[in-house]
């Protein structure tokens, strides 16, 4: 535990820089980077990331989904994609960032991470610069990057959490999921990685159940932590979700009128609205420069 705490302190000190510059493209477009994480596995985080990315694409945004889940990298599988390359091929200069991207439905682009996430953490300066320059080349082509992280508090998870402009924590109404969601919010608060996090309650049977779950986390966070937890919405438990996973076709496409799809579209609209309106618009370059400091 002491080694983990020391690592967190070093991570935090590396991102508390006041001279990070943020920029937009010449047309004024401001790219956002949203990190989606969870305190424990099995809460439907990756499935939510995939369907939310597609819902945002359907609303006209140019979206890239970055699979940052090292242990269970499977966003491509959920869409029935089998990309021949991943981040490893990019880091070792076999392919460009554009070449490793897989094209999903609705124009969604996917960056397969896989074992390349670990290699990224230990990248050489040349590989770091290649990664950074590759991301910067996307500036004019992307409105939004969603990062699907591993569950828990691993070091690679916290790299993405720290660098992203916005953070969404996914939980379910189960007591263990609520406890683990609070744990990750506590770390984010204690190390001042974000002043605010969004909360999504997945697999709910009613909106009342979702609100009760959110209120539990909001109350204890308000009492003991220095962070604002904003309830963004819920996703209904739906048998169509399981069907979509088995058929490898996301439910917002295969069953667009099911309750889960309606929930995700509503959440996508929320992200396009007031959740970002209160934040300083930072730009994609800000994320890239922060990532550089985390990798250094």
Protein backbone atom coordinates (compact mmCIF):
# COMPACT_ATOMS: atom_id res chain seq x y z
CA UNK A 1 0.00 0.00 0.00
CA UNK A 2 2.87 2.38 0.76
CA UNK A 3 4.35 1.81 -2.70
CA UNK A 4 0.97 2.52 -4.28
CA UNK A 5 0.57 5.70 -2.24
CA UNK A 6 4.06 6.87 -3.22
CA UNK A 7 3.24 6.20 -6.85
CA UNK A 8 0.04 8.23 -6.60
CA UNK A 9 1.91 11.13 -5.04
CA UNK A 10 4.43 11.12 -7.88
CA UNK A 11 1.62 10.94 -10.40
CA UNK A 12 -0.19 13.88 -8.85
CA UNK A 13 2.96 16.01 -8.62
CA UNK A 14 3.64 15.37 -12.29
CA UNK A 15 0.27 16.77 -13.40
CA UNK A 16 0.06 19.77 -11.06
CA UNK A 17 1.66 22.06 -13.56
CA UNK A 18 0.39 25.60 -14.00
CA UNK A 19 1.99 26.21 -17.39
CA UNK A 20 0.02 23.66 -19.42
CA UNK A 21 -1.34 25.44 -22.48
CA UNK A 22 -4.66 24.64 -24.08
CA UNK A 23 -5.54 25.35 -27.66
CA UNK A 24 -8.25 24.94 -30.25
CA UNK A 25 -8.09 24.38 -33.95
CA UNK A 26 -8.25 27.36 -36.34
CA UNK A 27 -12.01 26.91 -36.82
CA UNK A 28 -12.62 27.14 -33.09
CA UNK A 29 -13.45 23.47 -32.58
CA UNK A 30 -12.69 22.29 -29.06
CA UNK A 31 -12.05 18.60 -28.68
CA UNK A 32 -12.99 16.94 -25.39
CA UNK A 33 -11.52 13.88 -23.72
CA UNK A 34 -13.84 12.00 -21.38
CA UNK A 35 -12.58 9.11 -19.28
CA UNK A 36 -15.08 6.40 -18.33
CA UNK A 37 -14.07 4.21 -15.39
CA UNK A 38 -15.48 2.14 -12.54
CA UNK A 39 -14.47 0.98 -9.11
CA UNK A 40 -15.04 -2.70 -9.95
CA UNK A 41 -15.48 -4.90 -12.98
CA UNK A 42 -18.77 -6.32 -14.13
CA UNK A 43 -20.81 -3.10 -13.98
CA UNK A 44 -21.17 -2.80 -17.75
CA UNK A 45 -18.64 -0.01 -18.20
CA UNK A 46 -17.25 -1.12 -21.58
CA UNK A 47 -20.69 -1.86 -23.00
CA UNK A 48 -21.82 1.59 -21.90
CA UNK A 49 -18.72 3.18 -23.44
CA UNK A 50 -19.41 1.51 -26.80
CA UNK A 51 -23.10 2.39 -26.95
CA UNK A 52 -22.56 5.92 -25.62
CA UNK A 53 -19.88 6.51 -28.26
CA UNK A 54 -22.28 5.36 -30.97
CA UNK A 55 -25.14 7.48 -29.60
CA UNK A 56 -22.88 10.55 -29.64
CA UNK A 57 -21.84 9.70 -33.21
CA UNK A 58 -25.50 9.45 -34.18
CA UNK A 59 -25.95 12.96 -32.81
CA UNK A 60 -23.42 14.27 -35.31
CA UNK A 61 -20.20 14.30 -33.27
CA UNK A 62 -16.92 12.94 -34.62
CA UNK A 63 -16.03 10.42 -31.92
CA UNK A 64 -12.99 8.25 -31.23
CA UNK A 65 -13.25 5.45 -28.66
CA UNK A 66 -9.90 4.59 -27.09
CA UNK A 67 -9.82 1.12 -25.55
CA UNK A 68 -7.63 1.74 -22.52
CA UNK A 69 -8.66 -1.43 -20.70
CA UNK A 70 -5.49 -3.54 -20.51
CA UNK A 71 -6.93 -6.60 -18.81
CA UNK A 72 -10.23 -6.90 -20.67
CA UNK A 73 -9.77 -4.90 -23.89
CA UNK A 74 -12.97 -5.83 -25.71
CA UNK A 75 -14.74 -2.78 -27.14
CA UNK A 76 -13.96 -4.06 -30.63
CA UNK A 77 -15.50 -7.46 -29.81
CA UNK A 78 -18.70 -5.79 -28.61
CA UNK A 79 -19.04 -4.28 -32.10
CA UNK A 80 -18.03 -7.40 -34.00
CA UNK A 81 -14.76 -5.81 -35.11
CA UNK A 82 -11.50 -7.69 -35.37
CA UNK A 83 -8.80 -5.06 -35.99
CA UNK A 84 -5.53 -6.55 -37.25
CA UNK A 85 -3.45 -3.94 -35.45
CA UNK A 86 -3.37 -2.23 -32.07
CA UNK A 87 -1.36 0.32 -30.12
CA UNK A 88 1.70 -1.95 -30.05
CA UNK A 89 2.00 -1.78 -33.85
CA UNK A 90 1.86 2.00 -33.64
CA UNK A 91 4.46 2.35 -30.87
CA UNK A 92 6.94 0.15 -32.74
CA UNK A 93 6.44 2.21 -35.90
CA UNK A 94 4.87 -0.57 -37.89
CA UNK A 95 1.68 1.42 -38.50
CA UNK A 96 0.43 4.99 -38.13
CA UNK A 97 -2.24 5.90 -35.61
CA UNK A 98 -4.74 6.26 -38.43
CA UNK A 99 -3.83 2.80 -39.74
CA UNK A 100 -4.46 1.01 -36.44
CA UNK A 101 -7.87 2.60 -36.01
CA UNK A 102 -10.86 0.37 -36.65
CA UNK A 103 -13.95 1.86 -38.24
CA UNK A 104 -17.13 0.98 -36.41
CA UNK A 105 -20.80 1.74 -37.08
CA UNK A 106 -22.02 5.33 -37.47
CA UNK A 107 -18.53 6.51 -38.40
CA UNK A 108 -17.15 5.73 -34.93
CA UNK A 109 -13.38 5.22 -34.86
CA UNK A 110 -11.79 2.83 -32.36
CA UNK A 111 -8.17 2.83 -31.15
CA UNK A 112 -7.44 -0.75 -29.98
CA UNK A 113 -5.17 -0.63 -26.95
CA UNK A 114 -4.47 -4.17 -25.77
CA UNK A 115 -0.96 -4.83 -24.46
CA UNK A 116 0.12 -1.51 -25.95
CA UNK A 117 -1.27 0.24 -22.87
CA UNK A 118 1.47 -1.30 -20.70
CA UNK A 119 4.09 -0.50 -23.32
CA UNK A 120 2.84 3.07 -23.45
CA UNK A 121 3.50 3.43 -19.72
CA UNK A 122 7.12 2.36 -20.29
CA UNK A 123 7.60 4.00 -23.67
CA UNK A 124 10.90 5.44 -24.81
CA UNK A 125 11.07 9.22 -25.48
CA UNK A 126 10.85 8.48 -29.20
CA UNK A 127 7.71 6.38 -28.70
CA UNK A 128 6.22 9.03 -26.42
CA UNK A 129 6.73 11.72 -29.02
CA UNK A 130 5.27 9.48 -31.70
CA UNK A 131 2.18 8.88 -29.57
CA UNK A 132 1.76 12.57 -28.78
CA UNK A 133 2.24 13.70 -32.36
CA UNK A 134 -0.17 11.02 -33.55
CA UNK A 135 -2.86 12.27 -31.19
CA UNK A 136 -2.25 15.89 -32.14
CA UNK A 137 -2.82 15.00 -35.77
CA UNK A 138 -6.38 14.07 -34.79
CA UNK A 139 -7.10 17.55 -33.43
CA UNK A 140 -8.89 18.80 -36.54
CA UNK A 141 -10.73 15.53 -37.15
CA UNK A 142 -12.20 14.72 -33.73
CA UNK A 143 -14.81 16.38 -31.52
CA UNK A 144 -14.69 13.91 -28.68
CA UNK A 145 -12.45 11.11 -27.40
CA UNK A 146 -13.94 8.58 -24.99
CA UNK A 147 -11.45 6.47 -23.04
CA UNK A 148 -12.68 3.16 -21.66
CA UNK A 149 -10.28 2.32 -18.82
CA UNK A 150 -9.73 -0.81 -16.79
CA UNK A 151 -11.74 -1.10 -13.58
CA UNK A 152 -10.14 -0.27 -10.24
CA UNK A 153 -7.25 1.94 -9.18
CA UNK A 154 -4.36 0.69 -11.27
CA UNK A 155 -1.59 3.09 -12.22
CA UNK A 156 -2.53 3.07 -15.91
CA UNK A 157 -6.14 3.85 -15.00
CA UNK A 158 -5.09 6.88 -12.99
CA UNK A 159 -2.92 8.15 -15.85
CA UNK A 160 -5.99 8.41 -18.06
CA UNK A 161 -8.18 9.69 -15.23
CA UNK A 162 -5.68 12.45 -14.47
CA UNK A 163 -5.14 13.58 -18.05
CA UNK A 164 -8.77 13.55 -19.25
CA UNK A 165 -10.83 16.73 -19.19
CA UNK A 166 -13.86 15.01 -17.71
CA UNK A 167 -14.44 11.86 -15.69
CA UNK A 168 -17.46 9.56 -15.57
CA UNK A 169 -17.72 6.82 -12.93
CA UNK A 170 -20.06 3.92 -13.67
CA UNK A 171 -21.74 1.91 -10.94
CA UNK A 172 -24.77 -0.32 -10.39
CA UNK A 173 -27.20 -0.37 -7.44
CA UNK A 174 -25.35 -3.31 -5.88
CA UNK A 175 -23.75 -2.43 -2.51
CA UNK A 176 -20.29 -3.67 -3.55
CA UNK A 177 -20.39 -1.60 -6.74
CA UNK A 178 -21.47 1.50 -4.78
CA UNK A 179 -18.62 1.01 -2.28
CA UNK A 180 -16.05 0.61 -5.04
CA UNK A 181 -17.38 3.60 -6.96
CA UNK A 182 -17.00 5.71 -3.83
CA UNK A 183 -13.45 4.41 -3.40
CA UNK A 184 -12.34 5.67 -6.79
CA UNK A 185 -14.11 9.01 -6.25
CA UNK A 186 -12.29 9.27 -2.92
CA UNK A 187 -8.89 8.81 -4.59
CA UNK A 188 -9.77 11.39 -7.25
CA UNK A 189 -10.79 13.83 -4.51
CA UNK A 190 -7.89 13.21 -2.12
CA UNK A 191 -5.30 13.69 -4.86
CA UNK A 192 -7.27 16.54 -6.45
CA UNK A 193 -7.29 14.95 -9.89
CA UNK A 194 -10.69 16.50 -10.66
CA UNK A 195 -13.00 18.89 -8.85
CA UNK A 196 -16.07 17.19 -10.26
CA UNK A 197 -17.06 13.75 -11.54
CA UNK A 198 -20.09 12.54 -13.41
CA UNK A 199 -21.95 9.48 -12.14
CA UNK A 200 -23.93 6.96 -14.21
CA UNK A 201 -25.95 4.20 -12.56
CA UNK A 202 -26.21 1.18 -14.84
CA UNK A 203 -28.63 -1.77 -14.82
CA UNK A 204 -31.40 -0.11 -12.84
CA UNK A 205 -34.97 -1.39 -12.58
CA UNK A 206 -36.45 2.07 -12.07
CA UNK A 207 -35.42 5.69 -12.01
CA UNK A 208 -36.15 5.75 -8.29
CA UNK A 209 -33.58 2.99 -7.74
CA UNK A 210 -31.06 5.01 -9.76
CA UNK A 211 -31.73 8.17 -7.76
CA UNK A 212 -31.41 6.34 -4.45
CA UNK A 213 -28.06 4.92 -5.54
CA UNK A 214 -26.80 8.30 -6.73
CA UNK A 215 -27.95 10.04 -3.53
CA UNK A 216 -26.02 7.57 -1.38
CA UNK A 217 -22.80 8.39 -3.19
CA UNK A 218 -23.53 12.11 -3.39
CA UNK A 219 -24.29 12.38 0.35
CA UNK A 220 -21.20 10.59 1.58
CA UNK A 221 -19.01 12.44 -0.94
CA UNK A 222 -20.43 15.80 0.13
CA UNK A 223 -19.84 14.96 3.78
CA UNK A 224 -16.34 13.52 3.62
CA UNK A 225 -14.78 14.61 0.32
CA UNK A 226 -13.89 17.83 -1.43
CA UNK A 227 -15.45 16.96 -4.77
CA UNK A 228 -18.75 17.49 -6.56
CA UNK A 229 -20.52 14.35 -7.76
CA UNK A 230 -23.02 15.06 -10.52
CA UNK A 231 -25.60 12.43 -11.34
CA UNK A 232 -25.77 12.27 -15.14
CA UNK A 233 -28.36 9.56 -15.55
CA UNK A 234 -29.07 5.85 -15.54
CA UNK A 235 -29.34 2.93 -17.94
CA UNK A 236 -32.19 0.48 -17.52
CA UNK A 237 -31.71 -3.24 -17.07
CA UNK A 238 -32.81 -4.69 -20.40
CA UNK A 239 -32.77 -8.22 -21.84
CA UNK A 240 -31.94 -6.68 -25.22
CA UNK A 241 -28.51 -5.73 -23.88
CA UNK A 242 -27.56 -9.38 -23.43
CA UNK A 243 -28.89 -10.20 -26.90
CA UNK A 244 -26.77 -7.41 -28.38
CA UNK A 245 -23.62 -8.64 -26.63
CA UNK A 246 -24.14 -12.20 -27.87
CA UNK A 247 -24.76 -10.99 -31.43
CA UNK A 248 -21.88 -8.47 -31.26
CA UNK A 249 -24.13 -5.64 -32.43
CA UNK A 250 -24.47 -2.71 -29.94
CA UNK A 251 -28.01 -2.32 -28.65
CA UNK A 252 -28.37 1.32 -29.76
CA UNK A 253 -28.16 -0.09 -33.30
CA UNK A 254 -29.75 -3.55 -32.99
CA UNK A 255 -32.56 -2.49 -30.64
CA UNK A 256 -32.81 1.32 -30.91
CA UNK A 257 -36.21 1.47 -29.20
CA UNK A 258 -35.36 -0.62 -26.15
CA UNK A 259 -35.21 1.02 -22.73
CA UNK A 260 -31.43 0.76 -22.49
CA UNK A 261 -30.96 2.49 -25.86
CA UNK A 262 -33.33 5.28 -24.87
CA UNK A 263 -31.38 5.73 -21.63
CA UNK A 264 -28.04 5.95 -23.45
CA UNK A 265 -29.35 8.47 -25.99
CA UNK A 266 -30.61 10.62 -23.12
CA UNK A 267 -27.19 10.39 -21.47
CA UNK A 268 -25.52 11.38 -24.74
CA UNK A 269 -27.74 14.45 -24.90
CA UNK A 270 -26.76 15.29 -21.33
CA UNK A 271 -23.07 15.17 -22.23
CA UNK A 272 -23.76 17.54 -25.10
CA UNK A 273 -25.40 19.94 -22.68
CA UNK A 274 -24.86 21.18 -19.17
CA UNK A 275 -22.16 18.74 -17.98
CA UNK A 276 -19.57 20.50 -20.11
CA UNK A 277 -21.00 24.00 -19.90
CA UNK A 278 -19.56 24.60 -16.42
CA UNK A 279 -16.06 23.42 -17.23
CA UNK A 280 -13.20 25.41 -18.68
CA UNK A 281 -12.90 24.37 -22.30
CA UNK A 282 -9.40 22.93 -22.49
CA UNK A 283 -8.96 21.44 -25.93
CA UNK A 284 -7.42 18.24 -27.16
CA UNK A 285 -3.90 19.65 -27.04
CA UNK A 286 -4.28 20.08 -23.29
CA UNK A 287 -4.91 16.37 -22.85
CA UNK A 288 -1.91 15.49 -25.01
CA UNK A 289 0.44 17.78 -23.09
CA UNK A 290 -0.81 16.39 -19.81
CA UNK A 291 -0.24 12.87 -21.07
CA UNK A 292 3.32 13.88 -21.95
CA UNK A 293 3.97 14.97 -18.36
CA UNK A 294 2.47 11.74 -17.03
CA UNK A 295 4.66 9.67 -19.33
CA UNK A 296 7.84 11.62 -18.57
